C-alpha atoms as a PDB file:
ATOM      1  CA  MET A   1       0.960  25.362  22.569  1.00  0.00           C
ATOM      2  CA  MET A   2      -1.668  22.890  21.433  1.00  0.00           C
ATOM      3  CA  VAL A   3      -0.320  20.505  18.842  1.00  0.00           C
ATOM      4  CA  SER A   4      -2.877  18.910  16.213  1.00  0.00           C
ATOM      5  CA  PHE A   5      -3.188  15.093  15.881  1.00  0.00           C
ATOM      6  CA  PHE A   6      -2.822  15.641  12.313  1.00  0.00           C
ATOM      7  CA  ASP A   7       0.410  17.602  12.610  1.00  0.00           C
ATOM      8  CA  GLN A   8       1.753  13.973  12.148  1.00  0.00           C
ATOM      9  CA  PHE A   9       0.894  13.862   8.454  1.00  0.00           C
ATOM     10  CA  ALA A  10       2.274  17.188   7.352  1.00  0.00           C
ATOM     11  CA  SER A  11       5.278  17.106   5.079  1.00  0.00           C
ATOM     12  CA  PRO A  12       8.462  17.568   6.874  1.00  0.00           C
ATOM     13  CA  SER A  13      11.017  20.342   5.723  1.00  0.00           C
ATOM     14  CA  TYR A  14      14.245  21.520   7.016  1.00  0.00           C
ATOM     15  CA  LEU A  15      15.298  25.301   6.213  1.00  0.00           C
ATOM     16  CA  GLY A  16      12.574  25.320   3.895  1.00  0.00           C
ATOM     17  CA  ILE A  17      13.720  22.238   2.043  1.00  0.00           C
ATOM     18  CA  PRO A  18      10.811  19.483   1.877  1.00  0.00           C
ATOM     19  CA  LEU A  19      12.256  16.126   2.971  1.00  0.00           C
ATOM     20  CA  PHE A  20       9.367  14.110   1.294  1.00  0.00           C
ATOM     21  CA  VAL A  21      11.786  13.106  -1.689  1.00  0.00           C
ATOM     22  CA  ILE A  22      14.415  11.691   0.948  1.00  0.00           C
ATOM     23  CA  ALA A  23      11.581   9.959   2.894  1.00  0.00           C
ATOM     24  CA  ILE A  24      10.780   8.205  -0.228  1.00  0.00           C
ATOM     25  CA  ALA A  25      14.517   7.478  -1.616  1.00  0.00           C
ATOM     26  CA  LEU A  26      15.883   6.589   1.930  1.00  0.00           C
ATOM     27  CA  PRO A  27      14.214   2.933   2.268  1.00  0.00           C
ATOM     28  CA  TRP A  28      16.331   1.819  -1.093  1.00  0.00           C
ATOM     29  CA  VAL A  29      19.447   2.296   0.970  1.00  0.00           C
ATOM     30  CA  LEU A  30      18.416  -0.268   3.665  1.00  0.00           C
ATOM     31  CA  TYR A  31      18.035  -3.198   1.204  1.00  0.00           C
ATOM     32  CA  PRO A  32      21.004  -5.828   1.330  1.00  0.00           C
ATOM     33  CA  THR A  33      22.588  -5.941  -2.182  1.00  0.00           C
ATOM     34  CA  SER A  34      24.132  -9.477  -3.457  1.00  0.00           C
ATOM     35  CA  SER A  35      27.663  -9.785  -3.561  1.00  0.00           C
ATOM     36  CA  SER A  36      29.994 -11.480  -5.820  1.00  0.00           C
ATOM     37  CA  ARG A  37      30.709 -14.474  -3.243  1.00  0.00           C
ATOM     38  CA  TRP A  38      29.310 -17.834  -4.128  1.00  0.00           C
ATOM     39  CA  ILE A  39      27.433 -17.984  -0.587  1.00  0.00           C
ATOM     40  CA  ASN A  40      25.351 -15.081   0.666  1.00  0.00           C
ATOM     41  CA  ASN A  41      24.860 -14.041   4.317  1.00  0.00           C
ATOM     42  CA  ARG A  42      21.558 -15.062   5.894  1.00  0.00           C
ATOM     43  CA  LEU A  43      19.713 -11.554   5.394  1.00  0.00           C
ATOM     44  CA  THR A  44      20.386 -11.700   1.685  1.00  0.00           C
ATOM     45  CA  THR A  45      19.109 -15.237   1.599  1.00  0.00           C
ATOM     46  CA  VAL A  46      16.012 -14.493   3.632  1.00  0.00           C
ATOM     47  CA  GLN A  47      15.334 -11.424   1.375  1.00  0.00           C
ATOM     48  CA  GLY A  48      15.834 -13.704  -1.811  1.00  0.00           C
ATOM     49  CA  TRP A  49      13.502 -16.390  -0.676  1.00  0.00           C
ATOM     50  CA  PHE A  50      10.921 -14.037   0.576  1.00  0.00           C
ATOM     51  CA  ILE A  51      11.001 -12.324  -3.041  1.00  0.00           C
ATOM     52  CA  ASN A  52      10.844 -15.643  -4.770  1.00  0.00           C
ATOM     53  CA  ARG A  53       7.754 -16.668  -2.782  1.00  0.00           C
ATOM     54  CA  PHE A  54       6.003 -13.507  -3.176  1.00  0.00           C
ATOM     55  CA  THR A  55       6.709 -13.314  -6.993  1.00  0.00           C
ATOM     56  CA  ASN A  56       5.688 -17.041  -7.457  1.00  0.00           C
ATOM     57  CA  GLN A  57       2.258 -16.550  -5.403  1.00  0.00           C
ATOM     58  CA  LEU A  58       1.522 -13.187  -7.214  1.00  0.00           C
ATOM     59  CA  MET A  59       2.279 -14.226 -10.713  1.00  0.00           C
ATOM     60  CA  LEU A  60       0.663 -17.942 -10.294  1.00  0.00           C
ATOM     61  CA  PRO A  61      -2.928 -16.798 -11.651  1.00  0.00           C
ATOM     62  CA  LEU A  62      -1.535 -14.418 -14.682  1.00  0.00           C
ATOM     63  CA  ASN A  63      -0.435 -15.852 -17.959  1.00  0.00           C
ATOM     64  CA  VAL A  64       2.998 -15.459 -19.271  1.00  0.00           C
ATOM     65  CA  GLY A  65       2.239 -12.116 -20.913  1.00  0.00           C
ATOM     66  CA  GLY A  66       1.415 -11.001 -17.415  1.00  0.00           C
ATOM     67  CA  HIS A  67       4.717 -12.208 -15.847  1.00  0.00           C
ATOM     68  CA  LYS A  68       6.530  -9.096 -17.447  1.00  0.00           C
ATOM     69  CA  TRP A  69       4.855  -7.066 -14.724  1.00  0.00           C
ATOM     70  CA  ALA A  70       6.693  -9.167 -12.240  1.00  0.00           C
ATOM     71  CA  LEU A  71       9.616  -7.052 -11.477  1.00  0.00           C
ATOM     72  CA  LEU A  72       7.465  -3.837 -11.088  1.00  0.00           C
ATOM     73  CA  LEU A  73       4.799  -5.451  -8.701  1.00  0.00           C
ATOM     74  CA  THR A  74       7.503  -6.874  -6.585  1.00  0.00           C
ATOM     75  CA  SER A  75       9.466  -3.750  -6.315  1.00  0.00           C
ATOM     76  CA  LEU A  76       6.323  -1.969  -5.445  1.00  0.00           C
ATOM     77  CA  MET A  77       5.329  -4.467  -2.757  1.00  0.00           C
ATOM     78  CA  ILE A  78       8.786  -4.238  -0.995  1.00  0.00           C
ATOM     79  CA  PHE A  79       8.872  -0.595  -1.470  1.00  0.00           C
ATOM     80  CA  LEU A  80       5.490  -0.030   0.184  1.00  0.00           C
ATOM     81  CA  ILE A  81       6.028  -2.505   2.986  1.00  0.00           C
ATOM     82  CA  THR A  82       9.512  -0.746   3.857  1.00  0.00           C
ATOM     83  CA  ILE A  83       8.080   2.894   3.934  1.00  0.00           C
ATOM     84  CA  ASN A  84       4.849   1.520   5.889  1.00  0.00           C
ATOM     85  CA  MET A  85       7.252  -0.417   8.507  1.00  0.00           C
ATOM     86  CA  LEU A  86       9.725   2.771   8.690  1.00  0.00           C
ATOM     87  CA  GLY A  87       6.533   5.068   9.474  1.00  0.00           C
ATOM     88  CA  LEU A  88       5.786   3.229  12.639  1.00  0.00           C
ATOM     89  CA  LEU A  89       9.045   4.336  14.341  1.00  0.00           C
ATOM     90  CA  PRO A  90       8.854   7.247  16.476  1.00  0.00           C
ATOM     91  CA  TYR A  91       9.619  10.660  14.856  1.00  0.00           C
ATOM     92  CA  THR A  92       9.504   9.112  11.488  1.00  0.00           C
ATOM     93  CA  PHE A  93       7.187  10.566   8.523  1.00  0.00           C
ATOM     94  CA  THR A  94       5.016   7.949   6.597  1.00  0.00           C
ATOM     95  CA  PRO A  95       4.837   9.024   2.836  1.00  0.00           C
ATOM     96  CA  THR A  96       1.834   6.691   2.207  1.00  0.00           C
ATOM     97  CA  THR A  97      -0.483   8.454   4.539  1.00  0.00           C
ATOM     98  CA  GLN A  98      -0.450  11.280   1.797  1.00  0.00           C
ATOM     99  CA  LEU A  99      -3.275  10.485  -0.833  1.00  0.00           C
ATOM    100  CA  SER A 100      -1.366  12.384  -3.338  1.00  0.00           C
ATOM    101  CA  LEU A 101       1.520   9.817  -3.516  1.00  0.00           C
ATOM    102  CA  ASN A 102      -0.878   6.711  -3.388  1.00  0.00           C
ATOM    103  CA  MET A 103      -2.816   8.029  -6.241  1.00  0.00           C
ATOM    104  CA  GLY A 104       0.564   8.721  -7.922  1.00  0.00           C
ATOM    105  CA  PHE A 105       1.177   4.951  -7.841  1.00  0.00           C
ATOM    106  CA  ALA A 106      -2.405   3.620  -8.373  1.00  0.00           C
ATOM    107  CA  VAL A 107      -3.546   5.722 -11.406  1.00  0.00           C
ATOM    108  CA  PRO A 108      -0.353   5.012 -13.787  1.00  0.00           C
ATOM    109  CA  LEU A 109      -0.568   1.609 -12.926  1.00  0.00           C
ATOM    110  CA  TRP A 110      -4.284   1.140 -13.208  1.00  0.00           C
ATOM    111  CA  LEU A 111      -4.229   2.959 -16.375  1.00  0.00           C
ATOM    112  CA  ALA A 112      -1.341   0.788 -17.933  1.00  0.00           C
ATOM    113  CA  THR A 113      -3.496  -1.965 -17.239  1.00  0.00           C
ATOM    114  CA  VAL A 114      -6.741  -0.651 -19.304  1.00  0.00           C
ATOM    115  CA  ILE A 115      -4.491   0.524 -21.937  1.00  0.00           C
ATOM    116  CA  ILE A 116      -2.944  -3.031 -22.238  1.00  0.00           C
ATOM    117  CA  GLY A 117      -6.413  -4.674 -22.339  1.00  0.00           C
ATOM    118  CA  MET A 118      -7.487  -2.223 -24.997  1.00  0.00           C
ATOM    119  CA  ARG A 119      -4.641  -2.680 -27.188  1.00  0.00           C
ATOM    120  CA  ASN A 120      -4.532  -6.479 -26.892  1.00  0.00           C
ATOM    121  CA  GLN A 121      -7.895  -7.808 -26.616  1.00  0.00           C
ATOM    122  CA  PRO A 122     -10.188  -4.806 -26.964  1.00  0.00           C
ATOM    123  CA  THR A 123     -13.621  -6.976 -27.474  1.00  0.00           C
ATOM    124  CA  VAL A 124     -12.689  -8.742 -24.016  1.00  0.00           C
ATOM    125  CA  ALA A 125     -11.869  -5.600 -22.316  1.00  0.00           C
ATOM    126  CA  LEU A 126     -15.140  -3.976 -23.431  1.00  0.00           C
ATOM    127  CA  GLY A 127     -17.115  -7.109 -22.361  1.00  0.00           C
ATOM    128  CA  HIS A 128     -16.156  -6.604 -18.800  1.00  0.00           C
ATOM    129  CA  LEU A 129     -18.671  -3.480 -19.137  1.00  0.00           C
ATOM    130  CA  LEU A 130     -21.659  -5.475 -19.899  1.00  0.00           C
ATOM    131  CA  PRO A 131     -22.294  -9.047 -17.963  1.00  0.00           C
ATOM    132  CA  GLU A 132     -23.600 -11.989 -20.287  1.00  0.00           C
ATOM    133  CA  GLY A 133     -27.071 -12.577 -20.095  1.00  0.00           C
ATOM    134  CA  THR A 134     -27.974  -8.921 -19.132  1.00  0.00           C
ATOM    135  CA  PRO A 135     -31.858  -8.198 -19.917  1.00  0.00           C
ATOM    136  CA  ILE A 136     -32.026  -5.509 -22.795  1.00  0.00           C
ATOM    137  CA  PRO A 137     -33.613  -2.525 -20.564  1.00  0.00           C
ATOM    138  CA  LEU A 138     -30.638  -2.846 -18.308  1.00  0.00           C
ATOM    139  CA  ILE A 139     -27.935  -2.720 -20.760  1.00  0.00           C
ATOM    140  CA  PRO A 140     -27.565   1.154 -20.701  1.00  0.00           C
ATOM    141  CA  VAL A 141     -27.700   1.355 -17.052  1.00  0.00           C
ATOM    142  CA  LEU A 142     -25.166  -1.516 -16.577  1.00  0.00           C
ATOM    143  CA  ILE A 143     -22.776  -0.086 -18.973  1.00  0.00           C
ATOM    144  CA  ILE A 144     -22.941   3.182 -17.052  1.00  0.00           C
ATOM    145  CA  ILE A 145     -22.368   1.538 -13.434  1.00  0.00           C
ATOM    146  CA  GLU A 146     -19.531  -0.774 -14.974  1.00  0.00           C
ATOM    147  CA  THR A 147     -17.765   2.323 -16.374  1.00  0.00           C
ATOM    148  CA  ILE A 148     -18.211   4.047 -13.082  1.00  0.00           C
ATOM    149  CA  SER A 149     -16.890   1.249 -11.343  1.00  0.00           C
ATOM    150  CA  LEU A 150     -13.816   0.906 -13.496  1.00  0.00           C
ATOM    151  CA  PHE A 151     -12.777   4.622 -13.047  1.00  0.00           C
ATOM    152  CA  ILE A 152     -13.411   4.270  -9.311  1.00  0.00           C
ATOM    153  CA  ARG A 153     -10.516   1.618  -8.981  1.00  0.00           C
ATOM    154  CA  PRO A 154      -7.497   3.671  -8.694  1.00  0.00           C
ATOM    155  CA  LEU A 155      -9.378   5.967  -6.379  1.00  0.00           C
ATOM    156  CA  ALA A 156     -10.310   3.076  -3.896  1.00  0.00           C
ATOM    157  CA  LEU A 157      -6.532   1.781  -4.002  1.00  0.00           C
ATOM    158  CA  GLY A 158      -5.254   5.115  -3.032  1.00  0.00           C
ATOM    159  CA  VAL A 159      -7.886   5.873  -0.555  1.00  0.00           C
ATOM    160  CA  ARG A 160      -7.718   2.146   1.061  1.00  0.00           C
ATOM    161  CA  LEU A 161      -3.985   2.624   1.582  1.00  0.00           C
ATOM    162  CA  THR A 162      -4.325   5.987   2.941  1.00  0.00           C
ATOM    163  CA  ALA A 163      -7.152   5.729   5.058  1.00  0.00           C
ATOM    164  CA  ASN A 164      -5.942   2.310   6.856  1.00  0.00           C
ATOM    165  CA  LEU A 165      -2.603   3.895   7.473  1.00  0.00           C
ATOM    166  CA  THR A 166      -3.972   7.357   8.643  1.00  0.00           C
ATOM    167  CA  ALA A 167      -6.312   5.645  11.084  1.00  0.00           C
ATOM    168  CA  GLY A 168      -3.712   3.497  12.542  1.00  0.00           C
ATOM    169  CA  HIS A 169      -1.476   6.174  13.241  1.00  0.00           C
ATOM    170  CA  LEU A 170      -4.115   8.387  14.813  1.00  0.00           C
ATOM    171  CA  LEU A 171      -5.157   5.692  17.026  1.00  0.00           C
ATOM    172  CA  ILE A 172      -1.670   4.957  18.225  1.00  0.00           C
ATOM    173  CA  GLN A 173      -1.133   8.786  18.909  1.00  0.00           C
ATOM    174  CA  LEU A 174      -4.619   9.163  20.871  1.00  0.00           C
ATOM    175  CA  ILE A 175      -3.760   6.081  23.045  1.00  0.00           C
ATOM    176  CA  ALA A 176      -0.164   7.108  23.639  1.00  0.00           C
ATOM    177  CA  THR A 177      -1.514  10.435  24.783  1.00  0.00           C
ATOM    178  CA  ALA A 178      -4.106   8.809  27.040  1.00  0.00           C
ATOM    179  CA  VAL A 179      -1.051   6.867  28.621  1.00  0.00           C
ATOM    180  CA  PHE A 180       0.759   9.978  29.396  1.00  0.00           C
ATOM    181  CA  VAL A 181      -2.160  11.730  30.825  1.00  0.00           C
ATOM    182  CA  LEU A 182      -3.363   8.908  33.131  1.00  0.00           C
ATOM    183  CA  LEU A 183      -0.075   7.821  34.417  1.00  0.00           C
ATOM    184  CA  PRO A 184       0.399  10.459  37.123  1.00  0.00           C
ATOM    185  CA  MET A 185      -3.588  10.195  38.032  1.00  0.00           C
ATOM    186  CA  MET A 186      -4.297   6.409  37.600  1.00  0.00           C
ATOM    187  CA  PRO A 187      -1.249   4.394  37.258  1.00  0.00           C
ATOM    188  CA  THR A 188      -3.087   1.071  36.864  1.00  0.00           C
ATOM    189  CA  VAL A 189      -5.232   2.321  34.158  1.00  0.00           C
ATOM    190  CA  ALA A 190      -2.242   3.698  32.213  1.00  0.00           C
ATOM    191  CA  ILE A 191      -0.680   0.313  32.408  1.00  0.00           C
ATOM    192  CA  LEU A 192      -3.602  -1.228  30.935  1.00  0.00           C
ATOM    193  CA  THR A 193      -3.925   1.097  28.322  1.00  0.00           C
ATOM    194  CA  ALA A 194      -0.131   0.775  27.687  1.00  0.00           C
ATOM    195  CA  THR A 195      -0.820  -2.721  27.046  1.00  0.00           C
ATOM    196  CA  VAL A 196      -3.687  -2.097  24.596  1.00  0.00           C
ATOM    197  CA  LEU A 197      -1.246   0.471  23.121  1.00  0.00           C
ATOM    198  CA  PHE A 198       1.480  -2.469  22.513  1.00  0.00           C
ATOM    199  CA  LEU A 199      -1.277  -4.828  21.110  1.00  0.00           C
ATOM    200  CA  LEU A 200      -2.484  -1.938  18.644  1.00  0.00           C
ATOM    201  CA  THR A 201       1.397  -1.305  17.631  1.00  0.00           C
ATOM    202  CA  LEU A 202       1.588  -5.197  16.683  1.00  0.00           C
ATOM    203  CA  LEU A 203      -1.742  -4.985  14.702  1.00  0.00           C
ATOM    204  CA  GLU A 204      -0.336  -2.076  12.982  1.00  0.00           C
ATOM    205  CA  VAL A 205       2.612  -3.754  11.964  1.00  0.00           C
ATOM    206  CA  ALA A 206       0.472  -6.435  10.373  1.00  0.00           C
ATOM    207  CA  VAL A 207      -1.806  -3.785   8.878  1.00  0.00           C
ATOM    208  CA  ALA A 208       1.455  -2.253   7.184  1.00  0.00           C
ATOM    209  CA  MET A 209       2.354  -5.501   5.477  1.00  0.00           C
ATOM    210  CA  ILE A 210      -1.349  -6.299   4.743  1.00  0.00           C
ATOM    211  CA  GLN A 211      -2.228  -2.975   3.100  1.00  0.00           C
ATOM    212  CA  ALA A 212       1.020  -3.029   0.895  1.00  0.00           C
ATOM    213  CA  TYR A 213       0.127  -6.635  -0.308  1.00  0.00           C
ATOM    214  CA  VAL A 214      -3.647  -5.748  -0.988  1.00  0.00           C
ATOM    215  CA  PHE A 215      -2.548  -2.773  -3.153  1.00  0.00           C
ATOM    216  CA  VAL A 216      -0.275  -4.997  -5.144  1.00  0.00           C
ATOM    217  CA  LEU A 217      -2.693  -7.754  -5.307  1.00  0.00           C
ATOM    218  CA  LEU A 218      -5.464  -5.659  -6.633  1.00  0.00           C
ATOM    219  CA  LEU A 219      -3.141  -4.433  -9.462  1.00  0.00           C
ATOM    220  CA  SER A 220      -2.422  -7.955 -10.284  1.00  0.00           C
ATOM    221  CA  LEU A 221      -6.078  -8.689 -10.385  1.00  0.00           C
ATOM    222  CA  TYR A 222      -6.672  -5.922 -12.681  1.00  0.00           C
ATOM    223  CA  LEU A 223      -3.691  -6.926 -14.828  1.00  0.00           C
ATOM    224  CA  GLN A 224      -5.220 -10.397 -14.893  1.00  0.00           C
ATOM    225  CA  GLU A 225      -8.424  -8.982 -16.701  1.00  0.00           C
ATOM    226  CA  ASN A 226      -6.517  -7.469 -19.366  1.00  0.00           C
ATOM    227  CA  VAL A 227      -3.836  -9.816 -20.374  1.00  0.00           C
END
């Protein structure tokens, strides 16, 4: 029976019950919670330090009005990193390889930044559609181009995250399949291929974290334009 390489991206189900919701909700159980003790353990301390550093770095270019988004963006960042990292484990499902989930994150948050800009400073928000000093004959064309680029932003957010994770998973599966096929025939080549697979896995760990950071960073930049 031939198994397609894309079967790993199919939403899992058990007895006809989709497990997509469980795959999304399970990472929240893994986070350590703070206790009532005066001194936390090392894991909780490292988690708190990471959250504080990331929040400070993310909120640095934003004014005070944008700091209201700190909890939302930081929670989204940790959630995406956890899902992406768990998806690298064997026999697991990565929800962020589904474009529908990523668009479900990207569209509402992007739309919220646009609505905030239109409500708080409509002149500045509309001014982004027309760069300063534009020649008069080019004004209609630039307005159309900037409007299209504005509406493409959520699509770019979702597709970027989906494409990078999907490509990485496919490469890992292709090289792992090549290792198993070459091992009986050419052990030396199989060992070299396994080394490449190990290095690619390390690269995918970095990609899983970087893509989550880029997703949240771009959202903060969109927010910066509208607050």
